[in-house]
Amino acid sequence: MIIIINQLFEIEKKAKDNDLSLFDRNFDRIHSEIEEMGYIINNPLGKKYDERDTSIEASLVGNSTSLTITKVLRPIIFFKEGDQITLVQKGIVIAE
């Protein structure tokens, strides 16, 4: 399932890059089905980078003290079962 989620993430990114909003409803439906299966997909794009966040692996660009996540190569994926949430995949990001 992780491979499918990553492929969906890539397709969605390419659709947004090419301004193809006609697929938005389809992406929303697929995300809803994935969430019903217990997966939580987190795209941290635009968020402030925190070196203490263990759910991401980052490549840092520049030496600023206030870095922002500017590119997401892989989303953060959690799996929720009952009250327990488990990290299944660390996000891979670039922070500048």
PDB file of N, CA and C in Angstrom:
ATOM      1  N   MET A   1       0.817  -1.193   0.000  1.00  0.00           N
ATOM      2  CA  MET A   1       0.000   0.000   0.000  1.00  0.00           C
ATOM      3  C   MET A   1       0.869   1.269   0.000  1.00  0.00           C
ATOM      4  N   ILE A   2       2.029   1.211   0.630  1.00  0.00           N
ATOM      5  CA  ILE A   2       2.922   2.378   0.688  1.00  0.00           C
ATOM      6  C   ILE A   2       3.359   2.775  -0.721  1.00  0.00           C
ATOM      7  N   ILE A   3       3.649   1.802  -1.558  1.00  0.00           N
ATOM      8  CA  ILE A   3       4.063   2.104  -2.935  1.00  0.00           C
ATOM      9  C   ILE A   3       2.931   2.797  -3.681  1.00  0.00           C
ATOM     10  N   ILE A   4       1.704   2.338  -3.488  1.00  0.00           N
ATOM     11  CA  ILE A   4       0.553   2.961  -4.145  1.00  0.00           C
ATOM     12  C   ILE A   4       0.379   4.393  -3.670  1.00  0.00           C
ATOM     13  N   ILE A   5       0.513   4.627  -2.373  1.00  0.00           N
ATOM     14  CA  ILE A   5       0.376   5.981  -1.834  1.00  0.00           C
ATOM     15  C   ILE A   5       1.461   6.891  -2.405  1.00  0.00           C
ATOM     16  N   ASN A   6       2.698   6.392  -2.492  1.00  0.00           N
ATOM     17  CA  ASN A   6       3.782   7.207  -3.047  1.00  0.00           C
ATOM     18  C   ASN A   6       3.547   7.515  -4.524  1.00  0.00           C
ATOM     19  N   GLN A   7       3.043   6.551  -5.286  1.00  0.00           N
ATOM     20  CA  GLN A   7       2.746   6.792  -6.699  1.00  0.00           C
ATOM     21  C   GLN A   7       1.623   7.809  -6.848  1.00  0.00           C
ATOM     22  N   LEU A   8       0.597   7.684  -6.025  1.00  0.00           N
ATOM     23  CA  LEU A   8      -0.496   8.654  -6.035  1.00  0.00           C
ATOM     24  C   LEU A   8       0.022  10.056  -5.726  1.00  0.00           C
ATOM     25  N   PHE A   9       0.917  10.151  -4.747  1.00  0.00           N
ATOM     26  CA  PHE A   9       1.515  11.437  -4.374  1.00  0.00           C
ATOM     27  C   PHE A   9       2.251  12.051  -5.561  1.00  0.00           C
ATOM     28  N   GLU A  10       3.027  11.245  -6.272  1.00  0.00           N
ATOM     29  CA  GLU A  10       3.772  11.728  -7.446  1.00  0.00           C
ATOM     30  C   GLU A  10       2.838  12.179  -8.565  1.00  0.00           C
ATOM     31  N   ILE A  11       1.806  11.400  -8.839  1.00  0.00           N
ATOM     32  CA  ILE A  11       0.846  11.761  -9.885  1.00  0.00           C
ATOM     33  C   ILE A  11       0.138  13.066  -9.527  1.00  0.00           C
ATOM     34  N   GLU A  12      -0.261  13.185  -8.268  1.00  0.00           N
ATOM     35  CA  GLU A  12      -0.943  14.397  -7.810  1.00  0.00           C
ATOM     36  C   GLU A  12      -0.036  15.623  -7.923  1.00  0.00           C
ATOM     37  N   LYS A  13       1.253  15.447  -7.581  1.00  0.00           N
ATOM     38  CA  LYS A  13       2.226  16.537  -7.694  1.00  0.00           C
ATOM     39  C   LYS A  13       2.374  16.981  -9.151  1.00  0.00           C
ATOM     40  N   LYS A  14       2.478  16.023 -10.059  1.00  0.00           N
ATOM     41  CA  LYS A  14       2.624  16.342 -11.488  1.00  0.00           C
ATOM     42  C   LYS A  14       1.371  17.022 -12.030  1.00  0.00           C
ATOM     43  N   ALA A  15       0.213  16.584 -11.579  1.00  0.00           N
ATOM     44  CA  ALA A  15      -1.036  17.206 -12.021  1.00  0.00           C
ATOM     45  C   ALA A  15      -1.104  18.666 -11.560  1.00  0.00           C
ATOM     46  N   LYS A  16      -0.673  18.928 -10.320  1.00  0.00           N
ATOM     47  CA  LYS A  16      -0.673  20.308  -9.809  1.00  0.00           C
ATOM     48  C   LYS A  16       0.353  21.161 -10.539  1.00  0.00           C
ATOM     49  N   ASP A  17       1.529  20.585 -10.814  1.00  0.00           N
ATOM     50  CA  ASP A  17       2.571  21.321 -11.541  1.00  0.00           C
ATOM     51  C   ASP A  17       2.101  21.728 -12.933  1.00  0.00           C
ATOM     52  N   ASN A  18       1.240  20.913 -13.534  1.00  0.00           N
ATOM     53  CA  ASN A  18       0.736  21.194 -14.879  1.00  0.00           C
ATOM     54  C   ASN A  18      -0.659  21.812 -14.858  1.00  0.00           C
ATOM     55  N   ASP A  19      -1.090  22.256 -13.677  1.00  0.00           N
ATOM     56  CA  ASP A  19      -2.373  22.932 -13.498  1.00  0.00           C
ATOM     57  C   ASP A  19      -3.542  22.099 -14.038  1.00  0.00           C
ATOM     58  N   LEU A  20      -3.534  20.818 -13.714  1.00  0.00           N
ATOM     59  CA  LEU A  20      -4.600  19.919 -14.140  1.00  0.00           C
ATOM     60  C   LEU A  20      -5.566  19.682 -12.978  1.00  0.00           C
ATOM     61  N   SER A  21      -6.414  20.638 -12.721  1.00  0.00           N
ATOM     62  CA  SER A  21      -7.341  20.544 -11.589  1.00  0.00           C
ATOM     63  C   SER A  21      -8.532  19.634 -11.883  1.00  0.00           C
ATOM     64  N   LEU A  22      -8.678  19.167 -13.122  1.00  0.00           N
ATOM     65  CA  LEU A  22      -9.821  18.317 -13.452  1.00  0.00           C
ATOM     66  C   LEU A  22      -9.771  16.978 -12.729  1.00  0.00           C
ATOM     67  N   PHE A  23      -8.624  16.608 -12.152  1.00  0.00           N
ATOM     68  CA  PHE A  23      -8.501  15.347 -11.418  1.00  0.00           C
ATOM     69  C   PHE A  23      -8.712  15.505  -9.916  1.00  0.00           C
ATOM     70  N   ASP A  24      -8.933  16.731  -9.444  1.00  0.00           N
ATOM     71  CA  ASP A  24      -9.037  16.979  -8.003  1.00  0.00           C
ATOM     72  C   ASP A  24     -10.090  16.107  -7.323  1.00  0.00           C
ATOM     73  N   ARG A  25     -11.258  15.973  -7.929  1.00  0.00           N
ATOM     74  CA  ARG A  25     -12.328  15.176  -7.326  1.00  0.00           C
ATOM     75  C   ARG A  25     -11.907  13.713  -7.214  1.00  0.00           C
ATOM     76  N   ASN A  26     -11.207  13.213  -8.237  1.00  0.00           N
ATOM     77  CA  ASN A  26     -10.734  11.830  -8.205  1.00  0.00           C
ATOM     78  C   ASN A  26      -9.696  11.623  -7.108  1.00  0.00           C
ATOM     79  N   PHE A  27      -8.775  12.584  -6.983  1.00  0.00           N
ATOM     80  CA  PHE A  27      -7.760  12.492  -5.926  1.00  0.00           C
ATOM     81  C   PHE A  27      -8.412  12.524  -4.553  1.00  0.00           C
ATOM     82  N   ASP A  28      -9.405  13.392  -4.376  1.00  0.00           N
ATOM     83  CA  ASP A  28     -10.104  13.468  -3.091  1.00  0.00           C
ATOM     84  C   ASP A  28     -10.772  12.144  -2.752  1.00  0.00           C
ATOM     85  N   ARG A  29     -11.377  11.513  -3.739  1.00  0.00           N
ATOM     86  CA  ARG A  29     -12.051  10.227  -3.526  1.00  0.00           C
ATOM     87  C   ARG A  29     -11.049   9.146  -3.131  1.00  0.00           C
ATOM     88  N   ILE A  30      -9.912   9.105  -3.825  1.00  0.00           N
ATOM     89  CA  ILE A  30      -8.884   8.107  -3.509  1.00  0.00           C
ATOM     90  C   ILE A  30      -8.326   8.344  -2.106  1.00  0.00           C
ATOM     91  N   HIS A  31      -8.069   9.604  -1.756  1.00  0.00           N
ATOM     92  CA  HIS A  31      -7.570   9.924  -0.409  1.00  0.00           C
ATOM     93  C   HIS A  31      -8.566   9.490   0.655  1.00  0.00           C
ATOM     94  N   SER A  32      -9.842   9.684   0.381  1.00  0.00           N
ATOM     95  CA  SER A  32     -10.877   9.280   1.331  1.00  0.00           C
ATOM     96  C   SER A  32     -10.856   7.766   1.550  1.00  0.00           C
ATOM     97  N   GLU A  33     -10.714   7.014   0.476  1.00  0.00           N
ATOM     98  CA  GLU A  33     -10.652   5.548   0.582  1.00  0.00           C
ATOM     99  C   GLU A  33      -9.416   5.094   1.357  1.00  0.00           C
ATOM    100  N   ILE A  34      -8.285   5.748   1.092  1.00  0.00           N
ATOM    101  CA  ILE A  34      -7.043   5.408   1.793  1.00  0.00           C
ATOM    102  C   ILE A  34      -7.181   5.694   3.286  1.00  0.00           C
ATOM    103  N   GLU A  35      -7.795   6.820   3.627  1.00  0.00           N
ATOM    104  CA  GLU A  35      -8.003   7.167   5.036  1.00  0.00           C
ATOM    105  C   GLU A  35      -8.932   6.167   5.725  1.00  0.00           C
ATOM    106  N   GLU A  36      -9.938   5.688   5.000  1.00  0.00           N
ATOM    107  CA  GLU A  36     -10.835   4.682   5.578  1.00  0.00           C
ATOM    108  C   GLU A  36     -10.102   3.383   5.880  1.00  0.00           C
ATOM    109  N   MET A  37      -9.025   3.126   5.152  1.00  0.00           N
ATOM    110  CA  MET A  37      -8.212   1.926   5.387  1.00  0.00           C
ATOM    111  C   MET A  37      -7.279   2.118   6.581  1.00  0.00           C
ATOM    112  N   GLY A  38      -7.206   3.338   7.115  1.00  0.00           N
ATOM    113  CA  GLY A  38      -6.395   3.594   8.303  1.00  0.00           C
ATOM    114  C   GLY A  38      -5.119   4.377   8.050  1.00  0.00           C
ATOM    115  N   TYR A  39      -4.864   4.768   6.811  1.00  0.00           N
ATOM    116  CA  TYR A  39      -3.632   5.505   6.498  1.00  0.00           C
ATOM    117  C   TYR A  39      -3.863   7.005   6.599  1.00  0.00           C
ATOM    118  N   ILE A  40      -2.865   7.692   7.117  1.00  0.00           N
ATOM    119  CA  ILE A  40      -2.889   9.152   7.205  1.00  0.00           C
ATOM    120  C   ILE A  40      -1.692   9.651   6.413  1.00  0.00           C
ATOM    121  N   ILE A  41      -1.950  10.471   5.398  1.00  0.00           N
ATOM    122  CA  ILE A  41      -0.891  10.999   4.544  1.00  0.00           C
ATOM    123  C   ILE A  41      -0.686  12.465   4.915  1.00  0.00           C
ATOM    124  N   ASN A  42       0.551  12.817   5.227  1.00  0.00           N
ATOM    125  CA  ASN A  42       0.868  14.181   5.631  1.00  0.00           C
ATOM    126  C   ASN A  42       1.886  14.772   4.662  1.00  0.00           C
ATOM    127  N   ASN A  43       1.500  15.831   3.975  1.00  0.00           N
ATOM    128  CA  ASN A  43       2.398  16.553   3.081  1.00  0.00           C
ATOM    129  C   ASN A  43       2.844  17.831   3.810  1.00  0.00           C
ATOM    130  N   PRO A  44       4.091  17.889   4.291  1.00  0.00           N
ATOM    131  CA  PRO A  44       4.538  19.033   5.088  1.00  0.00           C
ATOM    132  C   PRO A  44       5.011  20.245   4.277  1.00  0.00           C
ATOM    133  N   LEU A  45       4.697  20.305   2.991  1.00  0.00           N
ATOM    134  CA  LEU A  45       5.136  21.403   2.133  1.00  0.00           C
ATOM    135  C   LEU A  45       4.709  22.753   2.719  1.00  0.00           C
ATOM    136  N   GLY A  46       5.674  23.675   2.794  1.00  0.00           N
ATOM    137  CA  GLY A  46       5.403  25.025   3.290  1.00  0.00           C
ATOM    138  C   GLY A  46       5.494  25.182   4.795  1.00  0.00           C
ATOM    139  N   LYS A  47       5.651  24.095   5.520  1.00  0.00           N
ATOM    140  CA  LYS A  47       5.747  24.175   6.978  1.00  0.00           C
ATOM    141  C   LYS A  47       7.181  24.486   7.403  1.00  0.00           C
ATOM    142  N   LYS A  48       7.302  25.063   8.587  1.00  0.00           N
ATOM    143  CA  LYS A  48       8.613  25.368   9.138  1.00  0.00           C
ATOM    144  C   LYS A  48       9.332  24.064   9.477  1.00  0.00           C
ATOM    145  N   TYR A  49      10.603  23.968   9.104  1.00  0.00           N
ATOM    146  CA  TYR A  49      11.399  22.782   9.397  1.00  0.00           C
ATOM    147  C   TYR A  49      11.809  22.789  10.854  1.00  0.00           C
ATOM    148  N   ASP A  50      11.625  21.660  11.507  1.00  0.00           N
ATOM    149  CA  ASP A  50      12.020  21.491  12.903  1.00  0.00           C
ATOM    150  C   ASP A  50      12.931  20.270  12.975  1.00  0.00           C
ATOM    151  N   GLU A  51      14.176  20.485  13.327  1.00  0.00           N
ATOM    152  CA  GLU A  51      15.153  19.387  13.358  1.00  0.00           C
ATOM    153  C   GLU A  51      14.788  18.304  14.366  1.00  0.00           C
ATOM    154  N   ARG A  52      13.898  18.593  15.290  1.00  0.00           N
ATOM    155  CA  ARG A  52      13.476  17.601  16.291  1.00  0.00           C
ATOM    156  C   ARG A  52      12.381  16.674  15.771  1.00  0.00           C
ATOM    157  N   ASP A  53      11.810  17.004  14.618  1.00  0.00           N
ATOM    158  CA  ASP A  53      10.736  16.200  14.036  1.00  0.00           C
ATOM    159  C   ASP A  53      11.310  14.898  13.491  1.00  0.00           C
ATOM    160  N   THR A  54      10.994  13.800  14.142  1.00  0.00           N
ATOM    161  CA  THR A  54      11.547  12.502  13.750  1.00  0.00           C
ATOM    162  C   THR A  54      10.763  11.839  12.614  1.00  0.00           C
ATOM    163  N   SER A  55       9.715  12.500  12.135  1.00  0.00           N
ATOM    164  CA  SER A  55       8.925  11.912  11.060  1.00  0.00           C
ATOM    165  C   SER A  55       9.411  12.334   9.675  1.00  0.00           C
ATOM    166  N   ILE A  56      10.485  13.138   9.638  1.00  0.00           N
ATOM    167  CA  ILE A  56      11.022  13.549   8.341  1.00  0.00           C
ATOM    168  C   ILE A  56      12.538  13.413   8.293  1.00  0.00           C
ATOM    169  N   GLU A  57      13.029  13.211   7.069  1.00  0.00           N
ATOM    170  CA  GLU A  57      14.457  13.258   6.787  1.00  0.00           C
ATOM    171  C   GLU A  57      14.630  14.420   5.821  1.00  0.00           C
ATOM    172  N   ALA A  58      15.505  15.353   6.163  1.00  0.00           N
ATOM    173  CA  ALA A  58      15.615  16.569   5.361  1.00  0.00           C
ATOM    174  C   ALA A  58      17.010  16.786   4.813  1.00  0.00           C
ATOM    175  N   SER A  59      17.034  17.322   3.609  1.00  0.00           N
ATOM    176  CA  SER A  59      18.260  17.871   3.041  1.00  0.00           C
ATOM    177  C   SER A  59      18.128  19.379   3.212  1.00  0.00           C
ATOM    178  N   LEU A  60      19.135  19.982   3.823  1.00  0.00           N
ATOM    179  CA  LEU A  60      19.071  21.410   4.131  1.00  0.00           C
ATOM    180  C   LEU A  60      19.850  22.210   3.098  1.00  0.00           C
ATOM    181  N   VAL A  61      19.243  23.295   2.634  1.00  0.00           N
ATOM    182  CA  VAL A  61      19.869  24.182   1.666  1.00  0.00           C
ATOM    183  C   VAL A  61      20.042  25.538   2.352  1.00  0.00           C
ATOM    184  N   GLY A  62      21.274  26.032   2.363  1.00  0.00           N
ATOM    185  CA  GLY A  62      21.549  27.307   3.028  1.00  0.00           C
ATOM    186  C   GLY A  62      21.847  27.103   4.496  1.00  0.00           C
ATOM    187  N   ASN A  63      22.108  28.198   5.172  1.00  0.00           N
ATOM    188  CA  ASN A  63      22.436  28.100   6.598  1.00  0.00           C
ATOM    189  C   ASN A  63      21.581  29.031   7.441  1.00  0.00           C
ATOM    190  N   SER A  64      20.365  29.243   7.006  1.00  0.00           N
ATOM    191  CA  SER A  64      19.424  30.061   7.761  1.00  0.00           C
ATOM    192  C   SER A  64      18.997  29.322   9.028  1.00  0.00           C
ATOM    193  N   THR A  65      18.627  30.068  10.042  1.00  0.00           N
ATOM    194  CA  THR A  65      18.148  29.444  11.271  1.00  0.00           C
ATOM    195  C   THR A  65      16.649  29.169  11.200  1.00  0.00           C
ATOM    196  N   SER A  66      15.973  29.773  10.241  1.00  0.00           N
ATOM    197  CA  SER A  66      14.538  29.571  10.077  1.00  0.00           C
ATOM    198  C   SER A  66      14.267  28.966   8.698  1.00  0.00           C
ATOM    199  N   LEU A  67      14.281  27.642   8.629  1.00  0.00           N
ATOM    200  CA  LEU A  67      14.113  26.948   7.356  1.00  0.00           C
ATOM    201  C   LEU A  67      12.657  26.544   7.136  1.00  0.00           C
ATOM    202  N   THR A  68      12.246  26.557   5.880  1.00  0.00           N
ATOM    203  CA  THR A  68      10.903  26.145   5.491  1.00  0.00           C
ATOM    204  C   THR A  68      11.019  24.976   4.519  1.00  0.00           C
ATOM    205  N   ILE A  69      10.109  24.040   4.609  1.00  0.00           N
ATOM    206  CA  ILE A  69      10.106  22.894   3.706  1.00  0.00           C
ATOM    207  C   ILE A  69       9.589  23.371   2.350  1.00  0.00           C
ATOM    208  N   THR A  70      10.462  23.312   1.347  1.00  0.00           N
ATOM    209  CA  THR A  70      10.129  23.834   0.022  1.00  0.00           C
ATOM    210  C   THR A  70       9.828  22.746  -0.998  1.00  0.00           C
ATOM    211  N   LYS A  71      10.222  21.513  -0.694  1.00  0.00           N
ATOM    212  CA  LYS A  71       9.954  20.421  -1.623  1.00  0.00           C
ATOM    213  C   LYS A  71       9.767  19.135  -0.825  1.00  0.00           C
ATOM    214  N   VAL A  72       8.777  18.351  -1.226  1.00  0.00           N
ATOM    215  CA  VAL A  72       8.517  17.079  -0.568  1.00  0.00           C
ATOM    216  C   VAL A  72       8.708  15.972  -1.603  1.00  0.00           C
ATOM    217  N   LEU A  73       9.676  15.107  -1.355  1.00  0.00           N
ATOM    218  CA  LEU A  73       9.947  14.002  -2.260  1.00  0.00           C
ATOM    219  C   LEU A  73       9.086  12.779  -1.916  1.00  0.00           C
ATOM    220  N   ARG A  74       8.856  12.577  -0.632  1.00  0.00           N
ATOM    221  CA  ARG A  74       7.977  11.505  -0.148  1.00  0.00           C
ATOM    222  C   ARG A  74       7.147  12.064   1.003  1.00  0.00           C
ATOM    223  N   PRO A  75       5.863  11.755   1.041  1.00  0.00           N
ATOM    224  CA  PRO A  75       5.031  12.243   2.144  1.00  0.00           C
ATOM    225  C   PRO A  75       5.277  11.432   3.421  1.00  0.00           C
ATOM    226  N   ILE A  76       4.847  11.980   4.534  1.00  0.00           N
ATOM    227  CA  ILE A  76       4.865  11.250   5.803  1.00  0.00           C
ATOM    228  C   ILE A  76       3.609  10.379   5.803  1.00  0.00           C
ATOM    229  N   ILE A  77       3.781   9.106   6.143  1.00  0.00           N
ATOM    230  CA  ILE A  77       2.627   8.202   6.159  1.00  0.00           C
ATOM    231  C   ILE A  77       2.528   7.538   7.534  1.00  0.00           C
ATOM    232  N   PHE A  78       1.341   7.654   8.111  1.00  0.00           N
ATOM    233  CA  PHE A  78       1.034   7.004   9.385  1.00  0.00           C
ATOM    234  C   PHE A  78      -0.040   5.960   9.140  1.00  0.00           C
ATOM    235  N   PHE A  79      -0.123   4.987  10.038  1.00  0.00           N
ATOM    236  CA  PHE A  79      -1.211   4.017  10.001  1.00  0.00           C
ATOM    237  C   PHE A  79      -1.898   4.048  11.352  1.00  0.00           C
ATOM    238  N   LYS A  80      -3.211   4.221  11.315  1.00  0.00           N
ATOM    239  CA  LYS A  80      -3.991   4.288  12.552  1.00  0.00           C
ATOM    240  C   LYS A  80      -4.804   3.011  12.711  1.00  0.00           C
ATOM    241  N   GLU A  81      -4.607   2.382  13.862  1.00  0.00           N
ATOM    242  CA  GLU A  81      -5.362   1.180  14.193  1.00  0.00           C
ATOM    243  C   GLU A  81      -5.886   1.352  15.610  1.00  0.00           C
ATOM    244  N   GLY A  82      -7.184   1.549  15.725  1.00  0.00           N
ATOM    245  CA  GLY A  82      -7.782   1.845  17.027  1.00  0.00           C
ATOM    246  C   GLY A  82      -7.299   3.212  17.493  1.00  0.00           C
ATOM    247  N   ASP A  83      -6.733   3.254  18.688  1.00  0.00           N
ATOM    248  CA  ASP A  83      -6.196   4.508  19.227  1.00  0.00           C
ATOM    249  C   ASP A  83      -4.708   4.672  18.952  1.00  0.00           C
ATOM    250  N   GLN A  84      -4.105   3.682  18.322  1.00  0.00           N
ATOM    251  CA  GLN A  84      -2.655   3.700  18.096  1.00  0.00           C
ATOM    252  C   GLN A  84      -2.330   4.200  16.688  1.00  0.00           C
ATOM    253  N   ILE A  85      -1.426   5.166  16.614  1.00  0.00           N
ATOM    254  CA  ILE A  85      -0.956   5.691  15.336  1.00  0.00           C
ATOM    255  C   ILE A  85       0.528   5.361  15.220  1.00  0.00           C
ATOM    256  N   THR A  86       0.901   4.721  14.103  1.00  0.00           N
ATOM    257  CA  THR A  86       2.272   4.286  13.881  1.00  0.00           C
ATOM    258  C   THR A  86       2.837   4.957  12.641  1.00  0.00           C
ATOM    259  N   LEU A  87       4.070   5.438  12.739  1.00  0.00           N
ATOM    260  CA  LEU A  87       4.756   5.996  11.594  1.00  0.00           C
ATOM    261  C   LEU A  87       5.180   4.848  10.681  1.00  0.00           C
ATOM    262  N   VAL A  88       4.723   4.878   9.424  1.00  0.00           N
ATOM    263  CA  VAL A  88       5.054   3.807   8.485  1.00  0.00           C
ATOM    264  C   VAL A  88       6.144   4.255   7.505  1.00  0.00           C
ATOM    265  N   GLN A  89       6.152   5.548   7.196  1.00  0.00           N
ATOM    266  CA  GLN A  89       7.165   6.081   6.279  1.00  0.00           C
ATOM    267  C   GLN A  89       7.529   7.494   6.684  1.00  0.00           C
ATOM    268  N   LYS A  90       8.832   7.743   6.824  1.00  0.00           N
ATOM    269  CA  LYS A  90       9.297   9.099   7.076  1.00  0.00           C
ATOM    270  C   LYS A  90       9.170   9.908   5.792  1.00  0.00           C
ATOM    271  N   GLY A  91       8.829  11.171   5.956  1.00  0.00           N
ATOM    272  CA  GLY A  91       8.805  12.064   4.797  1.00  0.00           C
ATOM    273  C   GLY A  91      10.228  12.432   4.404  1.00  0.00           C
ATOM    274  N   ILE A  92      10.457  12.591   3.124  1.00  0.00           N
ATOM    275  CA  ILE A  92      11.766  13.028   2.631  1.00  0.00           C
ATOM    276  C   ILE A  92      11.558  14.401   2.020  1.00  0.00           C
ATOM    277  N   VAL A  93      12.256  15.399   2.580  1.00  0.00           N
ATOM    278  CA  VAL A  93      12.003  16.782   2.190  1.00  0.00           C
ATOM    279  C   VAL A  93      13.290  17.565   1.943  1.00  0.00           C
ATOM    280  N   ILE A  94      13.104  18.717   1.315  1.00  0.00           N
ATOM    281  CA  ILE A  94      14.179  19.682   1.165  1.00  0.00           C
ATOM    282  C   ILE A  94      13.709  20.948   1.873  1.00  0.00           C
ATOM    283  N   ALA A  95      14.570  21.469   2.745  1.00  0.00           N
ATOM    284  CA  ALA A  95      14.249  22.673   3.509  1.00  0.00           C
ATOM    285  C   ALA A  95      15.254  23.757   3.169  1.00  0.00           C
ATOM    286  N   GLU A  96      14.742  24.963   2.922  1.00  0.00           N
ATOM    287  CA  GLU A  96      15.602  26.105   2.596  1.00  0.00           C
ATOM    288  C   GLU A  96      15.316  27.249   3.550  1.00  0.00           C
TER     289      GLU A  96
END
